[in-house]
Amino acid sequence: MTTSVAYLGPQGTFTEMAALRLMPDAELVPVDSPAEAIAAPTDFAVVAIENSVDGPVTPTFDALASIDTTQIYAETDIEVAFAIMRSATSGTSTLATHPVAWQQVKGWVAQNLPGVKFVPASSNADAARMVADGEADYAAAPARAAEIYGLDTVAENVADVKGARTRFVLVGKRGRPTARTGNDRTSVAFTLPNVPGSLVRALNEFAVRGVDLTRIESRPTREGLGTYRFYADIAGHIDDIPVAEALRALYLHAEHMHYLGSWPAATDNTGDTGTDMLQRIADADAYVTRLKTGDY
């Protein structure tokens, strides 16, 4: 049976490109949002999770938090540059693109298309569809979208920050984590009691074990003012003993904890996973033993 993968459509999005890279033989199912992709009755979903220019893709984090049975199994990152496209009958008043993409091209638009108004689209490829249907004059979208929708490209490789990248993850139902590779990423979501010092105490569990947190974000739980859910990326794999111990300790602090998975990192993520700390602990034990015996 063919594996099915939901992704933010329509055809021609960067997410489709990521899905083809992660699951080249899968049946791809386009949907209208990251939340729909994660909730879809498919085997997996591919969603954008982080952009080097605009930071976290918050709809993805909210969707991951809404379904406790989800887990991340793989990732890829793609360099993001846009083509500006229009139809032969387009005017010159509006430009459609996804809000995250707008943050990456608005400087170019201000300089090269002054006065053009931004129109948000559900995806970059849908922006191209909007131009083809006469709902916008220009689109900022992947170059392939111009071919799909029969549009004319007026500029290529547009990006306010050259080399910008977006990270995409493969999400599935909860199961055994992807095998450890030595260059891995672990992610967890958690809430904490609303008492002084709770976050400091929770994060200190990683510090004392020498485990590197590569990212931490907070999002409102939507259950009341001042209540937040934290998301942390960790250098290492749950099969790394210090990482596992830190997660165990975090569980004791948390009101709720959602392990989002351990998987191979697409880029170098070989920060300190606590292996050196294990040797330090062994050395410390030996030192205390020598103190007790007077052999120092």
C-alpha atoms as a PDB file:
ATOM      1  CA  MET A   1       0.000   0.000   0.000  1.00  0.00           C
ATOM      2  CA  THR A   2       1.314   3.457  -0.936  1.00  0.00           C
ATOM      3  CA  THR A   3       2.199   5.764   1.944  1.00  0.00           C
ATOM      4  CA  SER A   4       0.124   8.961   1.984  1.00  0.00           C
ATOM      5  CA  VAL A   5       1.447  12.370   3.044  1.00  0.00           C
ATOM      6  CA  ALA A   6      -0.611  15.527   3.619  1.00  0.00           C
ATOM      7  CA  TYR A   7       1.023  18.885   2.898  1.00  0.00           C
ATOM      8  CA  LEU A   8       0.126  22.559   2.574  1.00  0.00           C
ATOM      9  CA  GLY A   9      -1.066  22.867  -1.007  1.00  0.00           C
ATOM     10  CA  PRO A  10      -1.901  23.441  -3.696  1.00  0.00           C
ATOM     11  CA  GLN A  11       0.666  21.903  -6.015  1.00  0.00           C
ATOM     12  CA  GLY A  12       3.820  23.987  -6.327  1.00  0.00           C
ATOM     13  CA  THR A  13       4.461  25.019  -2.700  1.00  0.00           C
ATOM     14  CA  PHE A  14       7.786  24.793  -0.918  1.00  0.00           C
ATOM     15  CA  THR A  15       6.063  22.294   1.384  1.00  0.00           C
ATOM     16  CA  GLU A  16       5.374  20.049  -1.605  1.00  0.00           C
ATOM     17  CA  MET A  17       9.075  20.308  -2.470  1.00  0.00           C
ATOM     18  CA  ALA A  18       9.962  19.243   1.087  1.00  0.00           C
ATOM     19  CA  ALA A  19       7.452  16.379   0.991  1.00  0.00           C
ATOM     20  CA  LEU A  20       8.950  15.066  -2.242  1.00  0.00           C
ATOM     21  CA  ARG A  21      12.397  15.206  -0.681  1.00  0.00           C
ATOM     22  CA  LEU A  22      11.344  13.431   2.522  1.00  0.00           C
ATOM     23  CA  MET A  23       8.948  10.884   0.979  1.00  0.00           C
ATOM     24  CA  PRO A  24       9.674  10.695  -2.767  1.00  0.00           C
ATOM     25  CA  ASP A  25       7.465   7.654  -3.408  1.00  0.00           C
ATOM     26  CA  ALA A  26       4.465   8.734  -1.349  1.00  0.00           C
ATOM     27  CA  GLU A  27       1.022   9.802  -2.496  1.00  0.00           C
ATOM     28  CA  LEU A  28       0.852  13.536  -1.765  1.00  0.00           C
ATOM     29  CA  VAL A  29      -2.429  14.987  -0.515  1.00  0.00           C
ATOM     30  CA  PRO A  30      -2.707  18.817  -0.613  1.00  0.00           C
ATOM     31  CA  VAL A  31      -4.629  20.550   2.191  1.00  0.00           C
ATOM     32  CA  ASP A  32      -5.267  24.158   3.181  1.00  0.00           C
ATOM     33  CA  SER A  33      -3.315  24.595   6.443  1.00  0.00           C
ATOM     34  CA  PRO A  34      -0.695  22.996   8.706  1.00  0.00           C
ATOM     35  CA  ALA A  35      -3.469  22.071  11.149  1.00  0.00           C
ATOM     36  CA  GLU A  36      -5.375  20.238   8.413  1.00  0.00           C
ATOM     37  CA  ALA A  37      -2.195  18.452   7.353  1.00  0.00           C
ATOM     38  CA  ILE A  38      -1.461  17.189  10.867  1.00  0.00           C
ATOM     39  CA  ALA A  39      -5.091  16.152  11.457  1.00  0.00           C
ATOM     40  CA  ALA A  40      -5.522  14.560   8.013  1.00  0.00           C
ATOM     41  CA  PRO A  41      -6.295  10.803   7.791  1.00  0.00           C
ATOM     42  CA  THR A  42      -2.972  10.170   6.044  1.00  0.00           C
ATOM     43  CA  ASP A  43       0.080   8.235   7.175  1.00  0.00           C
ATOM     44  CA  PHE A  44       2.194  11.360   7.582  1.00  0.00           C
ATOM     45  CA  ALA A  45       2.154  15.133   7.175  1.00  0.00           C
ATOM     46  CA  VAL A  46       4.894  17.520   6.114  1.00  0.00           C
ATOM     47  CA  VAL A  47       4.738  20.998   7.644  1.00  0.00           C
ATOM     48  CA  ALA A  48       7.020  24.023   7.889  1.00  0.00           C
ATOM     49  CA  ILE A  49       8.219  24.570  11.438  1.00  0.00           C
ATOM     50  CA  GLU A  50      10.881  27.293  11.358  1.00  0.00           C
ATOM     51  CA  ASN A  51      12.224  29.963   9.030  1.00  0.00           C
ATOM     52  CA  SER A  52      15.621  31.600   9.374  1.00  0.00           C
ATOM     53  CA  VAL A  53      14.139  35.061   8.685  1.00  0.00           C
ATOM     54  CA  ASP A  54      10.745  35.056  10.393  1.00  0.00           C
ATOM     55  CA  GLY A  55      11.363  32.473  13.113  1.00  0.00           C
ATOM     56  CA  PRO A  56       8.850  29.828  14.213  1.00  0.00           C
ATOM     57  CA  VAL A  57       5.845  28.956  12.061  1.00  0.00           C
ATOM     58  CA  THR A  58       3.304  29.409  14.845  1.00  0.00           C
ATOM     59  CA  PRO A  59       0.333  27.619  13.179  1.00  0.00           C
ATOM     60  CA  THR A  60       2.463  24.472  13.092  1.00  0.00           C
ATOM     61  CA  PHE A  61       3.318  24.695  16.795  1.00  0.00           C
ATOM     62  CA  ASP A  62      -0.332  25.257  17.681  1.00  0.00           C
ATOM     63  CA  ALA A  63      -1.369  22.274  15.548  1.00  0.00           C
ATOM     64  CA  LEU A  64       1.260  19.999  17.102  1.00  0.00           C
ATOM     65  CA  ALA A  65       0.049  20.950  20.573  1.00  0.00           C
ATOM     66  CA  SER A  66      -3.579  20.220  19.712  1.00  0.00           C
ATOM     67  CA  ILE A  67      -2.998  16.501  19.021  1.00  0.00           C
ATOM     68  CA  ASP A  68      -1.113  14.627  21.751  1.00  0.00           C
ATOM     69  CA  THR A  69      -0.553  11.547  19.592  1.00  0.00           C
ATOM     70  CA  THR A  70       1.698  13.239  17.013  1.00  0.00           C
ATOM     71  CA  GLN A  71       5.438  12.728  16.688  1.00  0.00           C
ATOM     72  CA  ILE A  72       8.181  14.047  14.397  1.00  0.00           C
ATOM     73  CA  TYR A  73      10.258  11.481  12.495  1.00  0.00           C
ATOM     74  CA  ALA A  74      12.439  13.433  10.065  1.00  0.00           C
ATOM     75  CA  GLU A  75      13.285  16.910   8.814  1.00  0.00           C
ATOM     76  CA  THR A  76      14.709  18.720   5.833  1.00  0.00           C
ATOM     77  CA  ASP A  77      15.543  22.344   5.171  1.00  0.00           C
ATOM     78  CA  ILE A  78      15.166  24.192   1.896  1.00  0.00           C
ATOM     79  CA  GLU A  79      16.713  27.436   0.714  1.00  0.00           C
ATOM     80  CA  VAL A  80      13.840  29.802   0.048  1.00  0.00           C
ATOM     81  CA  ALA A  81      13.842  32.276  -2.832  1.00  0.00           C
ATOM     82  CA  PHE A  82      10.814  33.481  -4.728  1.00  0.00           C
ATOM     83  CA  ALA A  83       9.808  34.266  -8.258  1.00  0.00           C
ATOM     84  CA  ILE A  84       7.589  37.293  -8.841  1.00  0.00           C
ATOM     85  CA  MET A  85       4.945  36.387 -11.405  1.00  0.00           C
ATOM     86  CA  ARG A  86       1.883  37.866 -13.090  1.00  0.00           C
ATOM     87  CA  SER A  87      -0.517  37.111 -15.901  1.00  0.00           C
ATOM     88  CA  ALA A  88      -0.625  38.898 -19.239  1.00  0.00           C
ATOM     89  CA  THR A  89      -3.795  40.738 -18.134  1.00  0.00           C
ATOM     90  CA  SER A  90      -2.704  41.640 -14.589  1.00  0.00           C
ATOM     91  CA  GLY A  91      -2.820  45.154 -13.230  1.00  0.00           C
ATOM     92  CA  THR A  92      -0.170  46.613 -10.931  1.00  0.00           C
ATOM     93  CA  SER A  93      -1.967  47.151  -7.607  1.00  0.00           C
ATOM     94  CA  THR A  94      -1.688  44.004  -5.482  1.00  0.00           C
ATOM     95  CA  LEU A  95       0.754  41.206  -4.686  1.00  0.00           C
ATOM     96  CA  ALA A  96      -0.364  37.947  -3.086  1.00  0.00           C
ATOM     97  CA  THR A  97       1.804  35.604  -1.047  1.00  0.00           C
ATOM     98  CA  HIS A  98       1.794  33.748   2.256  1.00  0.00           C
ATOM     99  CA  PRO A  99       2.327  36.043   5.296  1.00  0.00           C
ATOM    100  CA  VAL A 100       5.603  34.290   6.188  1.00  0.00           C
ATOM    101  CA  ALA A 101       6.836  34.774   2.612  1.00  0.00           C
ATOM    102  CA  TRP A 102       5.813  38.429   2.728  1.00  0.00           C
ATOM    103  CA  GLN A 103       8.316  39.005   5.531  1.00  0.00           C
ATOM    104  CA  GLN A 104      11.004  37.695   3.172  1.00  0.00           C
ATOM    105  CA  VAL A 105      10.165  39.791   0.088  1.00  0.00           C
ATOM    106  CA  LYS A 106       8.555  43.021   1.320  1.00  0.00           C
ATOM    107  CA  GLY A 107      11.828  44.970   1.075  1.00  0.00           C
ATOM    108  CA  TRP A 108      12.257  43.949  -2.568  1.00  0.00           C
ATOM    109  CA  VAL A 109       8.616  44.808  -3.287  1.00  0.00           C
ATOM    110  CA  ALA A 110       8.924  48.263  -1.708  1.00  0.00           C
ATOM    111  CA  GLN A 111      11.939  49.007  -3.889  1.00  0.00           C
ATOM    112  CA  ASN A 112      10.808  47.451  -7.161  1.00  0.00           C
ATOM    113  CA  LEU A 113       7.001  47.594  -7.009  1.00  0.00           C
ATOM    114  CA  PRO A 114       6.315  50.743  -4.950  1.00  0.00           C
ATOM    115  CA  GLY A 115       2.714  51.214  -3.917  1.00  0.00           C
ATOM    116  CA  VAL A 116       1.738  47.578  -4.426  1.00  0.00           C
ATOM    117  CA  LYS A 117      -0.579  46.299  -1.673  1.00  0.00           C
ATOM    118  CA  PHE A 118       0.041  42.967   0.056  1.00  0.00           C
ATOM    119  CA  VAL A 119      -2.792  40.419  -0.132  1.00  0.00           C
ATOM    120  CA  PRO A 120      -2.382  37.375   2.158  1.00  0.00           C
ATOM    121  CA  ALA A 121      -2.707  33.919   0.619  1.00  0.00           C
ATOM    122  CA  SER A 122      -3.090  30.539   2.327  1.00  0.00           C
ATOM    123  CA  SER A 123       0.135  29.374   0.640  1.00  0.00           C
ATOM    124  CA  ASN A 124       2.660  30.696  -1.855  1.00  0.00           C
ATOM    125  CA  ALA A 125       1.341  28.440  -4.601  1.00  0.00           C
ATOM    126  CA  ASP A 126      -2.211  29.569  -3.849  1.00  0.00           C
ATOM    127  CA  ALA A 127      -0.971  33.119  -4.446  1.00  0.00           C
ATOM    128  CA  ALA A 128      -0.124  32.063  -8.000  1.00  0.00           C
ATOM    129  CA  ARG A 129      -3.599  30.577  -8.331  1.00  0.00           C
ATOM    130  CA  MET A 130      -5.067  33.902  -7.171  1.00  0.00           C
ATOM    131  CA  VAL A 131      -3.202  35.721  -9.963  1.00  0.00           C
ATOM    132  CA  ALA A 132      -4.380  33.191 -12.538  1.00  0.00           C
ATOM    133  CA  ASP A 133      -7.972  33.691 -11.327  1.00  0.00           C
ATOM    134  CA  GLY A 134      -7.708  37.489 -11.373  1.00  0.00           C
ATOM    135  CA  GLU A 135      -7.786  37.903  -7.579  1.00  0.00           C
ATOM    136  CA  ALA A 136      -4.339  39.565  -7.416  1.00  0.00           C
ATOM    137  CA  ASP A 137      -1.948  41.216  -9.859  1.00  0.00           C
ATOM    138  CA  TYR A 138       1.383  39.714  -8.753  1.00  0.00           C
ATOM    139  CA  ALA A 139       2.399  36.665  -6.737  1.00  0.00           C
ATOM    140  CA  ALA A 140       5.573  35.810  -4.852  1.00  0.00           C
ATOM    141  CA  ALA A 141       5.808  32.038  -5.134  1.00  0.00           C
ATOM    142  CA  PRO A 142       8.155  29.157  -5.998  1.00  0.00           C
ATOM    143  CA  ALA A 143       9.279  29.382  -9.620  1.00  0.00           C
ATOM    144  CA  ARG A 144       7.472  26.122 -10.454  1.00  0.00           C
ATOM    145  CA  ALA A 145       4.118  27.758  -9.668  1.00  0.00           C
ATOM    146  CA  ALA A 146       4.448  29.995 -12.744  1.00  0.00           C
ATOM    147  CA  GLU A 147       4.611  26.902 -14.947  1.00  0.00           C
ATOM    148  CA  ILE A 148       1.681  25.239 -13.198  1.00  0.00           C
ATOM    149  CA  TYR A 149      -0.601  28.280 -13.496  1.00  0.00           C
ATOM    150  CA  GLY A 150       0.630  29.634 -16.833  1.00  0.00           C
ATOM    151  CA  LEU A 151       2.023  32.904 -15.475  1.00  0.00           C
ATOM    152  CA  ASP A 152       4.843  35.152 -16.652  1.00  0.00           C
ATOM    153  CA  THR A 153       7.896  35.488 -14.398  1.00  0.00           C
ATOM    154  CA  VAL A 154       9.037  39.086 -13.964  1.00  0.00           C
ATOM    155  CA  ALA A 155      11.819  38.475 -11.389  1.00  0.00           C
ATOM    156  CA  GLU A 156      13.654  35.423 -10.066  1.00  0.00           C
ATOM    157  CA  ASN A 157      15.551  34.537  -6.882  1.00  0.00           C
ATOM    158  CA  VAL A 158      13.857  37.287  -4.898  1.00  0.00           C
ATOM    159  CA  ALA A 159      14.677  37.311  -1.182  1.00  0.00           C
ATOM    160  CA  ASP A 160      15.427  40.191   1.167  1.00  0.00           C
ATOM    161  CA  VAL A 161      17.888  37.934   2.997  1.00  0.00           C
ATOM    162  CA  LYS A 162      19.915  35.767   0.664  1.00  0.00           C
ATOM    163  CA  GLY A 163      20.359  32.192   1.802  1.00  0.00           C
ATOM    164  CA  ALA A 164      17.173  32.184   3.904  1.00  0.00           C
ATOM    165  CA  ARG A 165      16.068  28.663   4.758  1.00  0.00           C
ATOM    166  CA  THR A 166      12.900  27.008   6.013  1.00  0.00           C
ATOM    167  CA  ARG A 167      12.904  23.810   8.040  1.00  0.00           C
ATOM    168  CA  PHE A 168      10.178  21.240   7.396  1.00  0.00           C
ATOM    169  CA  VAL A 169       9.318  18.197   9.502  1.00  0.00           C
ATOM    170  CA  LEU A 170       7.678  14.856   8.790  1.00  0.00           C
ATOM    171  CA  VAL A 171       4.912  14.269  11.349  1.00  0.00           C
ATOM    172  CA  GLY A 172       3.176  10.963  12.034  1.00  0.00           C
ATOM    173  CA  LYS A 173       1.388   9.062  14.748  1.00  0.00           C
ATOM    174  CA  ARG A 174       3.212   8.317  17.976  1.00  0.00           C
ATOM    175  CA  GLY A 175       5.656   5.416  17.753  1.00  0.00           C
ATOM    176  CA  ARG A 176       9.254   4.338  18.202  1.00  0.00           C
ATOM    177  CA  PRO A 177      11.635   7.267  17.567  1.00  0.00           C
ATOM    178  CA  THR A 178      13.850   7.306  14.496  1.00  0.00           C
ATOM    179  CA  ALA A 179      17.162   5.566  15.231  1.00  0.00           C
ATOM    180  CA  ARG A 180      20.000   7.585  16.745  1.00  0.00           C
ATOM    181  CA  THR A 181      22.610   8.849  14.249  1.00  0.00           C
ATOM    182  CA  GLY A 182      24.891  10.993  16.416  1.00  0.00           C
ATOM    183  CA  ASN A 183      23.596  14.181  14.755  1.00  0.00           C
ATOM    184  CA  ASP A 184      20.081  14.328  16.094  1.00  0.00           C
ATOM    185  CA  ARG A 185      17.397  16.682  17.314  1.00  0.00           C
ATOM    186  CA  THR A 186      14.857  16.055  20.062  1.00  0.00           C
ATOM    187  CA  SER A 187      11.810  18.230  20.633  1.00  0.00           C
ATOM    188  CA  VAL A 188       9.388  18.488  23.520  1.00  0.00           C
ATOM    189  CA  ALA A 189       6.374  20.642  24.452  1.00  0.00           C
ATOM    190  CA  PHE A 190       5.456  21.246  28.082  1.00  0.00           C
ATOM    191  CA  THR A 191       3.506  23.413  30.488  1.00  0.00           C
ATOM    192  CA  LEU A 192       4.626  24.373  33.986  1.00  0.00           C
ATOM    193  CA  PRO A 193       2.946  25.423  37.237  1.00  0.00           C
ATOM    194  CA  ASN A 194       2.479  29.179  37.410  1.00  0.00           C
ATOM    195  CA  VAL A 195       4.850  29.693  40.341  1.00  0.00           C
ATOM    196  CA  PRO A 196       8.043  31.766  40.637  1.00  0.00           C
ATOM    197  CA  GLY A 197      11.115  30.057  39.213  1.00  0.00           C
ATOM    198  CA  SER A 198       9.337  27.119  37.575  1.00  0.00           C
ATOM    199  CA  LEU A 199      10.877  27.730  34.137  1.00  0.00           C
ATOM    200  CA  VAL A 200      14.363  28.296  35.561  1.00  0.00           C
ATOM    201  CA  ARG A 201      14.188  25.067  37.542  1.00  0.00           C
ATOM    202  CA  ALA A 202      12.934  23.117  34.522  1.00  0.00           C
ATOM    203  CA  LEU A 203      15.618  24.406  32.163  1.00  0.00           C
ATOM    204  CA  ASN A 204      18.314  23.875  34.770  1.00  0.00           C
ATOM    205  CA  GLU A 205      17.733  20.125  34.412  1.00  0.00           C
ATOM    206  CA  PHE A 206      19.345  20.381  30.977  1.00  0.00           C
ATOM    207  CA  ALA A 207      22.151  22.682  32.100  1.00  0.00           C
ATOM    208  CA  VAL A 208      23.321  20.499  34.993  1.00  0.00           C
ATOM    209  CA  ARG A 209      23.564  17.531  32.620  1.00  0.00           C
ATOM    210  CA  GLY A 210      25.445  19.486  29.974  1.00  0.00           C
ATOM    211  CA  VAL A 211      22.632  19.128  27.427  1.00  0.00           C
ATOM    212  CA  ASP A 212      22.329  21.936  24.867  1.00  0.00           C
ATOM    213  CA  LEU A 213      18.949  23.559  24.218  1.00  0.00           C
ATOM    214  CA  THR A 214      19.125  24.899  20.662  1.00  0.00           C
ATOM    215  CA  ARG A 215      15.731  26.633  20.676  1.00  0.00           C
ATOM    216  CA  ILE A 216      12.979  27.497  23.108  1.00  0.00           C
ATOM    217  CA  GLU A 217       9.669  29.171  22.246  1.00  0.00           C
ATOM    218  CA  SER A 218       6.468  29.907  24.104  1.00  0.00           C
ATOM    219  CA  ARG A 219       2.893  29.981  22.829  1.00  0.00           C
ATOM    220  CA  PRO A 220      -0.289  30.811  24.741  1.00  0.00           C
ATOM    221  CA  THR A 221      -2.279  27.759  25.799  1.00  0.00           C
ATOM    222  CA  ARG A 222      -5.506  29.663  24.994  1.00  0.00           C
ATOM    223  CA  GLU A 223      -6.827  28.576  28.378  1.00  0.00           C
ATOM    224  CA  GLY A 224      -6.373  31.943  30.085  1.00  0.00           C
ATOM    225  CA  LEU A 225      -4.206  35.042  30.231  1.00  0.00           C
ATOM    226  CA  GLY A 226      -0.634  34.395  31.267  1.00  0.00           C
ATOM    227  CA  THR A 227      -0.682  30.647  30.602  1.00  0.00           C
ATOM    228  CA  TYR A 228       1.929  29.403  28.148  1.00  0.00           C
ATOM    229  CA  ARG A 229       3.170  26.217  26.549  1.00  0.00           C
ATOM    230  CA  PHE A 230       6.905  25.933  25.961  1.00  0.00           C
ATOM    231  CA  TYR A 231       8.590  24.210  23.034  1.00  0.00           C
ATOM    232  CA  ALA A 232      12.226  23.182  23.275  1.00  0.00           C
ATOM    233  CA  ASP A 233      14.644  21.723  20.733  1.00  0.00           C
ATOM    234  CA  ILE A 234      17.480  19.696  22.219  1.00  0.00           C
ATOM    235  CA  ALA A 235      20.805  18.717  20.681  1.00  0.00           C
ATOM    236  CA  GLY A 236      20.840  14.939  20.884  1.00  0.00           C
ATOM    237  CA  HIS A 237      18.611  11.865  20.929  1.00  0.00           C
ATOM    238  CA  ILE A 238      16.494  10.257  23.625  1.00  0.00           C
ATOM    239  CA  ASP A 239      18.927   7.325  23.431  1.00  0.00           C
ATOM    240  CA  ASP A 240      21.682   9.670  24.680  1.00  0.00           C
ATOM    241  CA  ILE A 241      21.658   9.003  28.435  1.00  0.00           C
ATOM    242  CA  PRO A 242      21.951  12.671  29.549  1.00  0.00           C
ATOM    243  CA  VAL A 243      19.103  13.684  27.201  1.00  0.00           C
ATOM    244  CA  ALA A 244      16.890  10.893  28.547  1.00  0.00           C
ATOM    245  CA  GLU A 245      17.706  11.861  32.142  1.00  0.00           C
ATOM    246  CA  ALA A 246      16.955  15.535  31.437  1.00  0.00           C
ATOM    247  CA  LEU A 247      13.582  14.608  29.913  1.00  0.00           C
ATOM    248  CA  ARG A 248      12.788  12.435  32.937  1.00  0.00           C
ATOM    249  CA  ALA A 249      13.610  15.328  35.253  1.00  0.00           C
ATOM    250  CA  LEU A 250      11.578  17.758  33.124  1.00  0.00           C
ATOM    251  CA  TYR A 251       8.592  15.423  33.404  1.00  0.00           C
ATOM    252  CA  LEU A 252       8.733  15.776  37.192  1.00  0.00           C
ATOM    253  CA  HIS A 253       8.527  19.578  36.885  1.00  0.00           C
ATOM    254  CA  ALA A 254       5.875  19.763  34.154  1.00  0.00           C
ATOM    255  CA  GLU A 255       2.120  19.888  34.493  1.00  0.00           C
ATOM    256  CA  HIS A 256       1.862  18.371  31.026  1.00  0.00           C
ATOM    257  CA  MET A 257       4.574  17.121  28.684  1.00  0.00           C
ATOM    258  CA  HIS A 258       4.410  16.060  25.030  1.00  0.00           C
ATOM    259  CA  TYR A 259       7.475  14.313  23.627  1.00  0.00           C
ATOM    260  CA  LEU A 260       7.581  15.368  19.969  1.00  0.00           C
ATOM    261  CA  GLY A 261      10.273  12.930  18.894  1.00  0.00           C
ATOM    262  CA  SER A 262      13.972  12.402  18.218  1.00  0.00           C
ATOM    263  CA  TRP A 263      15.178  12.335  14.629  1.00  0.00           C
ATOM    264  CA  PRO A 264      18.236  13.000  12.418  1.00  0.00           C
ATOM    265  CA  ALA A 265      19.009  16.717  12.108  1.00  0.00           C
ATOM    266  CA  ALA A 266      19.215  18.108   8.571  1.00  0.00           C
ATOM    267  CA  THR A 267      22.101  20.391   9.569  1.00  0.00           C
ATOM    268  CA  ASP A 268      24.908  20.060  12.087  1.00  0.00           C
ATOM    269  CA  ASN A 269      23.228  19.736  15.470  1.00  0.00           C
ATOM    270  CA  THR A 270      26.084  18.096  17.338  1.00  0.00           C
ATOM    271  CA  GLY A 271      25.966  20.432  20.296  1.00  0.00           C
ATOM    272  CA  ASP A 272      26.763  19.092  23.740  1.00  0.00           C
ATOM    273  CA  THR A 273      24.491  16.106  24.379  1.00  0.00           C
ATOM    274  CA  GLY A 274      25.909  15.617  27.867  1.00  0.00           C
ATOM    275  CA  THR A 275      28.388  12.851  26.994  1.00  0.00           C
ATOM    276  CA  ASP A 276      31.276  14.897  28.412  1.00  0.00           C
ATOM    277  CA  MET A 277      29.235  15.445  31.556  1.00  0.00           C
ATOM    278  CA  LEU A 278      29.030  11.688  32.115  1.00  0.00           C
ATOM    279  CA  GLN A 279      32.823  11.550  32.280  1.00  0.00           C
ATOM    280  CA  ARG A 280      32.848  14.538  34.635  1.00  0.00           C
ATOM    281  CA  ILE A 281      30.371  12.732  36.910  1.00  0.00           C
ATOM    282  CA  ALA A 282      32.562   9.620  36.892  1.00  0.00           C
ATOM    283  CA  ASP A 283      35.609  11.744  37.716  1.00  0.00           C
ATOM    284  CA  ALA A 284      33.693  13.451  40.540  1.00  0.00           C
ATOM    285  CA  ASP A 285      32.641  10.076  42.000  1.00  0.00           C
ATOM    286  CA  ALA A 286      36.247   8.912  41.912  1.00  0.00           C
ATOM    287  CA  TYR A 287      37.376  12.139  43.582  1.00  0.00           C
ATOM    288  CA  VAL A 288      34.878  11.761  46.442  1.00  0.00           C
ATOM    289  CA  THR A 289      35.958   8.131  46.896  1.00  0.00           C
ATOM    290  CA  ARG A 290      39.565   9.268  47.235  1.00  0.00           C
ATOM    291  CA  LEU A 291      38.516  11.858  49.818  1.00  0.00           C
ATOM    292  CA  LYS A 292      36.801   9.165  51.885  1.00  0.00           C
ATOM    293  CA  THR A 293      39.845   6.907  51.828  1.00  0.00           C
ATOM    294  CA  GLY A 294      42.410   9.656  52.280  1.00  0.00           C
ATOM    295  CA  ASP A 295      43.996   8.743  48.941  1.00  0.00           C
ATOM    296  CA  TYR A 296      44.347  12.239  47.486  1.00  0.00           C
END
